C-alpha atoms as a PDB file:
ATOM      1  CA  UNK A   1      78.185  68.714  85.297  1.00  0.00           C
ATOM      2  CA  UNK A   2      79.759  66.240  87.681  1.00  0.00           C
ATOM      3  CA  UNK A   3      81.257  67.337  90.987  1.00  0.00           C
ATOM      4  CA  UNK A   4      84.061  65.195  92.323  1.00  0.00           C
ATOM      5  CA  UNK A   5      84.114  65.323  96.117  1.00  0.00           C
ATOM      6  CA  UNK A   6      86.480  62.716  97.467  1.00  0.00           C
ATOM      7  CA  UNK A   7      85.008  59.403  96.320  1.00  0.00           C
ATOM      8  CA  UNK A   8      81.428  60.647  95.796  1.00  0.00           C
ATOM      9  CA  UNK A   9      80.114  62.050  92.520  1.00  0.00           C
ATOM     10  CA  UNK A  10      77.161  64.428  92.668  1.00  0.00           C
ATOM     11  CA  UNK A  11      75.383  65.491  89.482  1.00  0.00           C
ATOM     12  CA  UNK A  12      73.846  68.732  90.728  1.00  0.00           C
ATOM     13  CA  UNK A  13      74.434  72.482  90.746  1.00  0.00           C
ATOM     14  CA  UNK A  14      73.673  72.656  94.469  1.00  0.00           C
ATOM     15  CA  UNK A  15      76.842  71.432  96.101  1.00  0.00           C
ATOM     16  CA  UNK A  16      77.386  72.044  99.789  1.00  0.00           C
ATOM     17  CA  UNK A  17      80.572  73.759 100.944  1.00  0.00           C
ATOM     18  CA  UNK A  18      83.315  71.238 101.530  1.00  0.00           C
ATOM     19  CA  UNK A  19      86.998  71.497 102.266  1.00  0.00           C
ATOM     20  CA  UNK A  20      88.037  70.728  98.720  1.00  0.00           C
ATOM     21  CA  UNK A  21      85.663  71.042  95.791  1.00  0.00           C
ATOM     22  CA  UNK A  22      86.754  70.245  92.260  1.00  0.00           C
ATOM     23  CA  UNK A  23      84.464  70.125  89.276  1.00  0.00           C
ATOM     24  CA  UNK A  24      85.047  67.611  86.511  1.00  0.00           C
ATOM     25  CA  UNK A  25      83.664  68.381  83.045  1.00  0.00           C
ATOM     26  CA  UNK A  26      84.114  66.893  79.607  1.00  0.00           C
ATOM     27  CA  UNK A  27      85.420  69.014  76.744  1.00  0.00           C
ATOM     28  CA  UNK A  28      81.907  69.094  75.288  1.00  0.00           C
ATOM     29  CA  UNK A  29      80.420  70.364  78.565  1.00  0.00           C
ATOM     30  CA  UNK A  30      83.075  73.046  78.863  1.00  0.00           C
ATOM     31  CA  UNK A  31      82.393  74.243  75.309  1.00  0.00           C
ATOM     32  CA  UNK A  32      78.696  74.668  76.029  1.00  0.00           C
ATOM     33  CA  UNK A  33      79.162  76.097  79.571  1.00  0.00           C
ATOM     34  CA  UNK A  34      82.404  78.061  79.356  1.00  0.00           C
ATOM     35  CA  UNK A  35      81.018  81.157  81.077  1.00  0.00           C
ATOM     36  CA  UNK A  36      79.827  78.993  83.991  1.00  0.00           C
ATOM     37  CA  UNK A  37      83.263  77.374  84.303  1.00  0.00           C
ATOM     38  CA  UNK A  38      84.909  80.813  84.323  1.00  0.00           C
ATOM     39  CA  UNK A  39      82.451  82.042  86.961  1.00  0.00           C
ATOM     40  CA  UNK A  40      83.338  78.997  89.073  1.00  0.00           C
ATOM     41  CA  UNK A  41      87.045  79.844  88.743  1.00  0.00           C
ATOM     42  CA  UNK A  42      86.323  83.421  89.788  1.00  0.00           C
ATOM     43  CA  UNK A  43      84.653  82.092  92.939  1.00  0.00           C
ATOM     44  CA  UNK A  44      87.676  79.898  93.739  1.00  0.00           C
ATOM     45  CA  UNK A  45      86.739  76.522  92.232  1.00  0.00           C
ATOM     46  CA  UNK A  46      89.060  74.398  90.130  1.00  0.00           C
ATOM     47  CA  UNK A  47      87.681  72.516  87.123  1.00  0.00           C
ATOM     48  CA  UNK A  48      89.280  69.426  85.629  1.00  0.00           C
ATOM     49  CA  UNK A  49      88.563  68.951  81.907  1.00  0.00           C
ATOM     50  CA  UNK A  50      88.374  65.387  80.647  1.00  0.00           C
ATOM     51  CA  UNK A  51      88.489  63.825  77.191  1.00  0.00           C
ATOM     52  CA  UNK A  52      87.112  60.284  76.960  1.00  0.00           C
ATOM     53  CA  UNK A  53      87.105  60.163  80.767  1.00  0.00           C
ATOM     54  CA  UNK A  54      90.803  61.005  81.132  1.00  0.00           C
ATOM     55  CA  UNK A  55      91.891  64.342  82.690  1.00  0.00           C
ATOM     56  CA  UNK A  56      93.623  66.522  80.070  1.00  0.00           C
ATOM     57  CA  UNK A  57      93.522  70.060  81.525  1.00  0.00           C
ATOM     58  CA  UNK A  58      92.627  72.042  84.603  1.00  0.00           C
ATOM     59  CA  UNK A  59      91.176  75.534  84.950  1.00  0.00           C
ATOM     60  CA  UNK A  60      92.188  77.056  88.272  1.00  0.00           C
ATOM     61  CA  UNK A  61      91.532  80.458  89.854  1.00  0.00           C
ATOM     62  CA  UNK A  62      94.228  83.114  89.563  1.00  0.00           C
ATOM     63  CA  UNK A  63      95.804  84.147  92.855  1.00  0.00           C
ATOM     64  CA  UNK A  64      95.403  87.925  92.872  1.00  0.00           C
ATOM     65  CA  UNK A  65      96.411  88.867  96.402  1.00  0.00           C
ATOM     66  CA  UNK A  66      99.927  87.486  96.344  1.00  0.00           C
ATOM     67  CA  UNK A  67     102.550  89.782  94.807  1.00  0.00           C
ATOM     68  CA  UNK A  68     105.196  88.219  92.597  1.00  0.00           C
ATOM     69  CA  UNK A  69     107.997  89.717  94.694  1.00  0.00           C
ATOM     70  CA  UNK A  70     107.664  90.694  98.355  1.00  0.00           C
ATOM     71  CA  UNK A  71     107.866  94.354  99.320  1.00  0.00           C
ATOM     72  CA  UNK A  72     111.414  94.925 100.524  1.00  0.00           C
ATOM     73  CA  UNK A  73     111.221  98.688 101.177  1.00  0.00           C
ATOM     74  CA  UNK A  74     111.042  98.284 104.970  1.00  0.00           C
ATOM     75  CA  UNK A  75     114.019  95.912 104.906  1.00  0.00           C
ATOM     76  CA  UNK A  76     116.047  98.256 102.693  1.00  0.00           C
ATOM     77  CA  UNK A  77     115.290 101.159 105.017  1.00  0.00           C
ATOM     78  CA  UNK A  78     116.556  99.194 108.017  1.00  0.00           C
ATOM     79  CA  UNK A  79     120.015  98.609 106.487  1.00  0.00           C
ATOM     80  CA  UNK A  80     122.612 101.064 107.747  1.00  0.00           C
ATOM     81  CA  UNK A  81     125.448 101.710 105.278  1.00  0.00           C
ATOM     82  CA  UNK A  82     128.975 101.205 106.629  1.00  0.00           C
ATOM     83  CA  UNK A  83     132.159 102.536 105.142  1.00  0.00           C
ATOM     84  CA  UNK A  84     132.400 103.892 101.613  1.00  0.00           C
ATOM     85  CA  UNK A  85     129.713 103.458  98.984  1.00  0.00           C
ATOM     86  CA  UNK A  86     130.172 100.986  96.149  1.00  0.00           C
ATOM     87  CA  UNK A  87     130.551 103.766  93.584  1.00  0.00           C
ATOM     88  CA  UNK A  88     133.350 105.386  95.651  1.00  0.00           C
ATOM     89  CA  UNK A  89     135.116 102.045  96.025  1.00  0.00           C
ATOM     90  CA  UNK A  90     134.898 101.293  92.273  1.00  0.00           C
ATOM     91  CA  UNK A  91     136.101 104.776  91.351  1.00  0.00           C
ATOM     92  CA  UNK A  92     139.142 104.370  93.640  1.00  0.00           C
ATOM     93  CA  UNK A  93     139.929 100.900  92.231  1.00  0.00           C
ATOM     94  CA  UNK A  94     139.784 102.216  88.652  1.00  0.00           C
ATOM     95  CA  UNK A  95     142.058 105.125  89.474  1.00  0.00           C
ATOM     96  CA  UNK A  96     144.595 102.762  91.087  1.00  0.00           C
ATOM     97  CA  UNK A  97     144.599 100.544  87.960  1.00  0.00           C
ATOM     98  CA  UNK A  98     145.476 103.460  85.707  1.00  0.00           C
ATOM     99  CA  UNK A  99     148.661 104.389  87.534  1.00  0.00           C
END
């Protein structure tokens, strides 16, 4: 497998920790080493898949720690209701329309 680190290519499994590490593999290499590519994604590495030397796909790690929507329960608890509730207001408006 080839490791693309900036401008340098290193053909080795022992790659030293760098700020940004991205593996580049051909489709054939990915087919024969899929479990290794998945393990790399689990450890935070991205892998670019090439066909005839051109990038065609990328396998990236899934971000697990970030929720889709932020927790708003503290914010909701801090809001103090003023005046009538929405249901009371709607009920009054409907009654006024009838008469």
